[in-house]
Amino acid sequence: MDVIEKVEEFINKQTDKVKQRVRNKAIKQAETQMILAGKKSDELSLEDWEHIVAEQEKEVWATYSKGSLWTVIGLAFWLP
């Protein structure tokens, strides 16, 4: 099983609440990336923005799936 399949399997096991938190974190990271690049959000098309957020979301999920035990502990404290 390659890394992408493992990440997809990990994502599918998560609740909607966790998925939304990850999505929100990805949006914040995408906004930060835009600021660092010196671009404004209105300079991008909706498709480009969705692509950037999707890439950030993949990175967040990959980070969480690699952390396993620490991820579970972190998510336990992160979720109210």
Protein backbone atom coordinates (compact mmCIF):
# COMPACT_ATOMS: atom_id res chain seq x y z
CA MET A 1 0.00 0.00 0.00
CA ASP A 2 1.55 3.29 -1.00
CA VAL A 3 1.50 6.54 0.98
CA ILE A 4 -1.45 8.09 -0.86
CA GLU A 5 -3.65 5.07 -0.16
CA LYS A 6 -2.65 5.12 3.52
CA VAL A 7 -3.52 8.81 3.81
CA GLU A 8 -6.87 8.27 2.05
CA GLU A 9 -7.67 5.37 4.38
CA PHE A 10 -6.74 7.50 7.40
CA ILE A 11 -8.96 10.36 6.17
CA ASN A 12 -11.94 8.08 5.59
CA LYS A 13 -11.79 6.88 9.19
CA GLN A 14 -12.11 10.41 10.61
CA THR A 15 -15.32 12.12 11.70
CA ASP A 16 -16.80 15.09 9.87
CA LYS A 17 -15.80 17.36 12.74
CA VAL A 18 -12.14 16.41 12.36
CA LYS A 19 -12.33 16.73 8.57
CA GLN A 20 -13.75 20.27 8.91
CA ARG A 21 -11.01 21.27 11.35
CA VAL A 22 -8.37 20.01 8.93
CA ARG A 23 -10.06 21.90 6.09
CA ASN A 24 -10.07 25.10 8.17
CA LYS A 25 -6.40 24.67 8.97
CA ALA A 26 -5.65 24.14 5.28
CA ILE A 27 -7.51 27.34 4.39
CA LYS A 28 -5.50 29.30 6.95
CA GLN A 29 -2.27 27.85 5.59
CA ALA A 30 -3.31 28.72 2.03
CA GLU A 31 -4.07 32.29 3.10
CA THR A 32 -0.65 32.52 4.76
CA GLN A 33 0.98 31.15 1.62
CA MET A 34 -0.78 33.81 -0.45
CA ILE A 35 0.40 36.58 1.88
CA LEU A 36 3.98 35.34 1.76
CA ALA A 37 3.79 35.20 -2.05
CA GLY A 38 2.54 38.79 -2.09
CA LYS A 39 -0.69 37.94 -3.87
CA LYS A 40 -4.27 38.81 -3.06
CA SER A 41 -7.04 36.26 -3.01
CA ASP A 42 -8.99 38.17 -5.65
CA GLU A 43 -6.12 37.63 -8.11
CA LEU A 44 -6.91 33.90 -8.25
CA SER A 45 -9.79 32.13 -9.90
CA LEU A 46 -12.00 29.94 -7.75
CA GLU A 47 -10.46 26.83 -9.30
CA ASP A 48 -6.93 27.98 -8.48
CA TRP A 49 -7.93 28.78 -4.90
CA GLU A 50 -9.56 25.35 -4.50
CA HIS A 51 -6.42 23.71 -5.86
CA ILE A 52 -4.18 25.56 -3.38
CA VAL A 53 -6.46 24.66 -0.45
CA ALA A 54 -6.62 21.02 -1.57
CA GLU A 55 -2.82 20.83 -1.68
CA GLN A 56 -2.57 22.32 1.80
CA GLU A 57 -5.21 19.89 3.03
CA LYS A 58 -3.19 16.95 1.68
CA GLU A 59 -0.15 18.22 3.56
CA VAL A 60 -2.10 18.52 6.81
CA TRP A 61 -3.52 15.00 6.46
CA ALA A 62 -0.08 13.61 5.63
CA THR A 63 1.34 15.25 8.73
CA TYR A 64 -1.44 13.84 10.90
CA SER A 65 -1.20 10.35 9.48
CA LYS A 66 2.59 10.25 10.01
CA GLY A 67 2.26 11.28 13.63
CA SER A 68 -0.06 8.37 14.58
CA LEU A 69 0.09 8.24 18.40
CA TRP A 70 0.93 11.91 18.81
CA THR A 71 -1.83 12.75 16.36
CA VAL A 72 -4.41 10.85 18.36
CA ILE A 73 -3.29 12.58 21.54
CA GLY A 74 -3.27 15.97 19.84
CA LEU A 75 -6.70 15.48 18.30
CA ALA A 76 -8.08 14.38 21.66
CA PHE A 77 -7.06 17.73 23.16
CA TRP A 78 -7.87 19.71 20.03
CA LEU A 79 -11.50 18.63 19.81
CA PRO A 80 -13.79 20.02 22.52
